[in-house]
N, C-alpha and C. Protein backbone atom coordinates (compact mmCIF):
# COMPACT_ATOMS: atom_id res chain seq x y z
N MET A 1 6.60 12.56 24.15
CA MET A 1 5.99 11.48 23.40
C MET A 1 6.51 11.52 21.96
N LYS A 2 6.54 10.35 21.36
CA LYS A 2 6.99 10.22 19.97
C LYS A 2 6.01 9.35 19.19
N LEU A 3 5.89 9.65 17.91
CA LEU A 3 5.21 8.77 16.98
C LEU A 3 6.29 7.97 16.30
N VAL A 4 6.27 6.66 16.48
CA VAL A 4 7.23 5.79 15.81
C VAL A 4 6.46 5.07 14.70
N GLY A 5 7.04 5.06 13.52
CA GLY A 5 6.45 4.37 12.39
C GLY A 5 7.46 3.40 11.81
N VAL A 6 6.97 2.23 11.41
CA VAL A 6 7.85 1.20 10.86
C VAL A 6 7.20 0.64 9.60
N MET A 7 7.95 0.71 8.51
CA MET A 7 7.49 0.15 7.24
C MET A 7 8.34 -1.07 6.91
N SER A 8 7.65 -2.14 6.52
CA SER A 8 8.38 -3.38 6.20
C SER A 8 7.58 -4.20 5.21
N LEU A 9 8.26 -5.14 4.60
CA LEU A 9 7.55 -6.11 3.77
C LEU A 9 6.70 -6.99 4.68
N ARG A 10 5.67 -7.54 4.13
CA ARG A 10 4.76 -8.40 4.88
C ARG A 10 5.51 -9.53 5.59
N GLU A 11 6.55 -10.03 4.94
CA GLU A 11 7.32 -11.15 5.50
C GLU A 11 8.04 -10.78 6.80
N ASP A 12 8.25 -9.48 7.04
CA ASP A 12 8.96 -9.02 8.22
C ASP A 12 8.05 -8.59 9.36
N ARG A 13 6.74 -8.79 9.22
CA ARG A 13 5.80 -8.35 10.24
C ARG A 13 6.12 -8.91 11.62
N GLN A 14 6.47 -10.19 11.69
CA GLN A 14 6.72 -10.80 12.99
C GLN A 14 7.95 -10.18 13.67
N LYS A 15 8.96 -9.82 12.89
CA LYS A 15 10.13 -9.14 13.47
C LYS A 15 9.70 -7.84 14.14
N ILE A 16 8.84 -7.09 13.47
CA ILE A 16 8.37 -5.81 14.01
C ILE A 16 7.54 -6.06 15.27
N ARG A 17 6.66 -7.03 15.22
CA ARG A 17 5.84 -7.35 16.40
C ARG A 17 6.73 -7.74 17.58
N ASP A 18 7.77 -8.52 17.32
CA ASP A 18 8.69 -8.92 18.38
C ASP A 18 9.43 -7.72 18.98
N ILE A 19 9.82 -6.77 18.13
CA ILE A 19 10.51 -5.57 18.61
C ILE A 19 9.56 -4.74 19.48
N MET A 20 8.32 -4.59 19.04
CA MET A 20 7.34 -3.84 19.84
C MET A 20 7.14 -4.50 21.21
N LYS A 21 7.01 -5.81 21.19
CA LYS A 21 6.82 -6.54 22.45
C LYS A 21 8.04 -6.39 23.35
N LYS A 22 9.22 -6.51 22.78
CA LYS A 22 10.46 -6.39 23.55
C LYS A 22 10.55 -5.04 24.27
N HIS A 23 10.04 -4.00 23.64
CA HIS A 23 10.11 -2.66 24.20
C HIS A 23 8.81 -2.27 24.91
N ASP A 24 8.01 -3.27 25.23
CA ASP A 24 6.80 -3.12 26.04
C ASP A 24 5.80 -2.14 25.44
N VAL A 25 5.69 -2.14 24.13
CA VAL A 25 4.66 -1.33 23.47
C VAL A 25 3.38 -2.16 23.49
N GLN A 26 2.43 -1.73 24.29
CA GLN A 26 1.19 -2.48 24.50
C GLN A 26 0.15 -2.22 23.42
N ILE A 27 0.15 -1.01 22.86
CA ILE A 27 -0.86 -0.63 21.87
C ILE A 27 -0.17 -0.05 20.65
N TYR A 28 -0.44 -0.62 19.50
CA TYR A 28 0.06 -0.05 18.25
C TYR A 28 -0.90 -0.43 17.14
N SER A 29 -0.77 0.22 16.02
CA SER A 29 -1.63 -0.04 14.87
C SER A 29 -0.79 -0.58 13.74
N GLU A 30 -1.41 -1.41 12.92
CA GLU A 30 -0.73 -2.01 11.79
C GLU A 30 -1.70 -2.04 10.62
N THR A 31 -1.23 -1.65 9.46
CA THR A 31 -2.09 -1.65 8.29
C THR A 31 -1.30 -2.12 7.07
N ALA A 32 -1.98 -2.73 6.15
CA ALA A 32 -1.35 -3.18 4.90
C ALA A 32 -1.23 -1.98 3.97
N ILE A 33 -0.10 -1.89 3.28
CA ILE A 33 0.12 -0.85 2.29
C ILE A 33 0.72 -1.49 1.04
N VAL A 34 0.61 -0.81 -0.06
CA VAL A 34 1.22 -1.28 -1.29
C VAL A 34 2.41 -0.38 -1.57
N GLY A 35 3.59 -0.97 -1.59
CA GLY A 35 4.79 -0.21 -1.85
C GLY A 35 5.05 -0.06 -3.35
N HIS A 36 5.63 1.04 -3.72
CA HIS A 36 5.97 1.30 -5.12
C HIS A 36 7.45 1.66 -5.23
N THR A 37 8.03 1.23 -6.32
CA THR A 37 9.39 1.60 -6.67
C THR A 37 9.33 2.24 -8.06
N PRO A 38 10.40 2.89 -8.50
CA PRO A 38 10.37 3.42 -9.87
C PRO A 38 10.05 2.34 -10.91
N ALA A 39 10.54 1.12 -10.67
CA ALA A 39 10.28 0.03 -11.62
C ALA A 39 8.80 -0.36 -11.62
N SER A 40 8.18 -0.42 -10.45
CA SER A 40 6.76 -0.81 -10.41
C SER A 40 5.88 0.29 -11.00
N VAL A 41 6.24 1.55 -10.78
CA VAL A 41 5.47 2.64 -11.37
C VAL A 41 5.59 2.61 -12.89
N ALA A 42 6.79 2.36 -13.39
CA ALA A 42 6.99 2.27 -14.84
C ALA A 42 6.18 1.13 -15.43
N LYS A 43 6.11 0.02 -14.72
CA LYS A 43 5.41 -1.17 -15.24
C LYS A 43 3.90 -1.07 -15.08
N PHE A 44 3.43 -0.61 -13.90
CA PHE A 44 2.00 -0.65 -13.60
C PHE A 44 1.33 0.72 -13.58
N GLY A 45 2.10 1.79 -13.54
CA GLY A 45 1.52 3.12 -13.43
C GLY A 45 1.28 3.49 -11.98
N TRP A 46 0.93 4.74 -11.74
CA TRP A 46 0.74 5.23 -10.38
C TRP A 46 -0.48 4.61 -9.72
N PHE A 47 -1.44 4.15 -10.47
CA PHE A 47 -2.69 3.68 -9.90
C PHE A 47 -2.84 2.16 -10.02
N ALA A 48 -1.74 1.46 -9.82
CA ALA A 48 -1.77 -0.01 -9.89
C ALA A 48 -2.64 -0.55 -8.77
N THR A 49 -3.31 -1.65 -9.04
CA THR A 49 -4.10 -2.30 -8.00
C THR A 49 -3.21 -3.24 -7.20
N THR A 50 -3.68 -3.66 -6.06
CA THR A 50 -2.89 -4.58 -5.24
C THR A 50 -2.69 -5.92 -5.94
N ASP A 51 -3.59 -6.28 -6.84
CA ASP A 51 -3.44 -7.54 -7.58
C ASP A 51 -2.29 -7.46 -8.58
N GLU A 52 -1.99 -6.26 -9.06
CA GLU A 52 -0.94 -6.10 -10.06
C GLU A 52 0.45 -5.93 -9.44
N ASN A 53 0.52 -5.23 -8.33
CA ASN A 53 1.80 -4.84 -7.75
C ASN A 53 2.33 -5.91 -6.80
N PRO A 54 3.56 -6.36 -6.99
CA PRO A 54 4.09 -7.44 -6.16
C PRO A 54 4.65 -7.01 -4.81
N SER A 55 4.75 -5.71 -4.51
CA SER A 55 5.39 -5.25 -3.28
C SER A 55 4.36 -4.98 -2.19
N TYR A 56 4.04 -6.00 -1.42
CA TYR A 56 3.09 -5.84 -0.33
C TYR A 56 3.86 -5.52 0.94
N ALA A 57 3.38 -4.55 1.67
CA ALA A 57 4.11 -4.09 2.84
C ALA A 57 3.13 -3.79 3.97
N THR A 58 3.70 -3.49 5.14
CA THR A 58 2.90 -3.08 6.28
C THR A 58 3.48 -1.79 6.84
N LEU A 59 2.60 -1.02 7.46
CA LEU A 59 2.99 0.16 8.20
C LEU A 59 2.48 -0.04 9.61
N CYS A 60 3.38 0.02 10.56
CA CYS A 60 3.05 -0.15 11.96
C CYS A 60 3.42 1.15 12.66
N PHE A 61 2.53 1.66 13.53
CA PHE A 61 2.87 2.90 14.21
C PHE A 61 2.28 2.92 15.61
N ALA A 62 2.93 3.70 16.48
CA ALA A 62 2.49 3.84 17.86
C ALA A 62 2.97 5.18 18.40
N ILE A 63 2.23 5.70 19.36
CA ILE A 63 2.66 6.89 20.09
C ILE A 63 3.14 6.40 21.45
N ILE A 64 4.42 6.63 21.71
CA ILE A 64 5.06 6.05 22.90
C ILE A 64 6.02 7.05 23.54
N ALA A 65 6.57 6.65 24.67
CA ALA A 65 7.55 7.49 25.37
C ALA A 65 8.79 7.70 24.50
N ASP A 66 9.45 8.84 24.69
CA ASP A 66 10.64 9.19 23.90
C ASP A 66 11.69 8.08 23.92
N GLU A 67 11.99 7.56 25.11
CA GLU A 67 13.06 6.56 25.25
C GLU A 67 12.73 5.28 24.48
N ALA A 68 11.48 4.84 24.57
CA ALA A 68 11.08 3.62 23.85
C ALA A 68 11.14 3.84 22.35
N GLY A 69 10.73 5.01 21.90
CA GLY A 69 10.79 5.31 20.47
C GLY A 69 12.21 5.27 19.94
N ARG A 70 13.12 5.89 20.66
CA ARG A 70 14.53 5.89 20.24
C ARG A 70 15.08 4.47 20.25
N ALA A 71 14.75 3.68 21.27
CA ALA A 71 15.25 2.30 21.36
C ALA A 71 14.75 1.45 20.20
N ILE A 72 13.50 1.63 19.82
CA ILE A 72 12.94 0.86 18.69
C ILE A 72 13.63 1.24 17.39
N VAL A 73 13.79 2.54 17.14
CA VAL A 73 14.45 2.98 15.91
C VAL A 73 15.90 2.51 15.89
N ASP A 74 16.59 2.58 17.01
CA ASP A 74 17.97 2.11 17.08
C ASP A 74 18.06 0.61 16.77
N GLU A 75 17.13 -0.16 17.31
CA GLU A 75 17.14 -1.61 17.05
C GLU A 75 16.86 -1.91 15.58
N ILE A 76 15.94 -1.18 14.98
CA ILE A 76 15.64 -1.38 13.57
C ILE A 76 16.82 -0.95 12.71
N GLU A 77 17.52 0.09 13.12
CA GLU A 77 18.71 0.52 12.38
C GLU A 77 19.76 -0.59 12.36
N LYS A 78 19.97 -1.24 13.48
CA LYS A 78 20.92 -2.36 13.54
C LYS A 78 20.44 -3.51 12.67
N LEU A 79 19.15 -3.82 12.74
CA LEU A 79 18.58 -4.90 11.94
C LEU A 79 18.70 -4.60 10.45
N THR A 80 18.45 -3.36 10.07
CA THR A 80 18.53 -2.95 8.67
C THR A 80 19.96 -3.06 8.15
N GLY A 81 20.93 -2.78 9.01
CA GLY A 81 22.33 -2.90 8.61
C GLY A 81 22.73 -4.32 8.25
N ARG A 82 22.01 -5.31 8.78
CA ARG A 82 22.29 -6.71 8.47
C ARG A 82 21.42 -7.25 7.33
N ASP A 83 20.42 -6.47 6.91
CA ASP A 83 19.47 -6.89 5.89
C ASP A 83 20.07 -6.66 4.50
N GLN A 84 20.20 -7.71 3.73
CA GLN A 84 20.78 -7.60 2.39
C GLN A 84 19.71 -7.54 1.29
N SER A 85 18.43 -7.43 1.67
CA SER A 85 17.37 -7.40 0.67
C SER A 85 17.28 -6.03 0.01
N ASP A 86 16.48 -5.96 -1.04
CA ASP A 86 16.23 -4.69 -1.73
C ASP A 86 15.21 -3.84 -0.96
N HIS A 87 14.56 -4.44 0.04
CA HIS A 87 13.50 -3.75 0.77
C HIS A 87 13.71 -3.89 2.27
N PRO A 88 14.73 -3.22 2.82
CA PRO A 88 14.96 -3.32 4.27
C PRO A 88 13.85 -2.65 5.06
N ILE A 89 13.74 -3.01 6.31
CA ILE A 89 12.78 -2.39 7.21
C ILE A 89 13.19 -0.93 7.40
N ARG A 90 12.21 -0.04 7.37
CA ARG A 90 12.45 1.40 7.56
C ARG A 90 11.67 1.88 8.77
N ALA A 91 12.22 2.83 9.50
CA ALA A 91 11.53 3.37 10.66
C ALA A 91 11.72 4.88 10.72
N PHE A 92 10.76 5.55 11.34
CA PHE A 92 10.88 6.98 11.55
C PHE A 92 10.33 7.34 12.92
N LEU A 93 10.79 8.47 13.42
CA LEU A 93 10.41 8.94 14.74
C LEU A 93 10.05 10.41 14.63
N VAL A 94 8.86 10.77 15.10
CA VAL A 94 8.36 12.14 14.98
C VAL A 94 7.89 12.62 16.36
N PRO A 95 8.25 13.84 16.75
CA PRO A 95 7.78 14.36 18.03
C PRO A 95 6.25 14.55 18.01
N VAL A 96 5.61 14.24 19.12
CA VAL A 96 4.18 14.48 19.27
C VAL A 96 4.04 15.63 20.27
N GLU A 97 3.58 16.75 19.77
CA GLU A 97 3.48 17.94 20.61
C GLU A 97 2.32 17.84 21.61
N HIS A 98 1.19 17.30 21.16
CA HIS A 98 0.02 17.25 22.02
C HIS A 98 -0.85 16.08 21.58
N MET A 99 -1.41 15.38 22.54
CA MET A 99 -2.30 14.26 22.22
C MET A 99 -3.42 14.22 23.24
N VAL A 100 -4.65 13.97 22.79
CA VAL A 100 -5.78 13.85 23.70
C VAL A 100 -6.44 12.50 23.55
């Protein structure tokens, strides 16, 4: 089993949802996060509120089979290679030793 996590700007949420659906991920979680860059920290400080910071993002994660996790990360890697924005979609894959 793997924990796959995907961070993206809010505008890219549907791309992530489509990738999860394509790889038959039936259950996953998604939450809003506030992204920070060195420029935003310099401007707003470490404790900026969501009203002040312009970088709204999402974190989507699921615990899935190894093969599906690798396929999702590979697809996001290809997508990121075509993304010319300052905030490309990011993904990570972590082994899950035990789950109940």
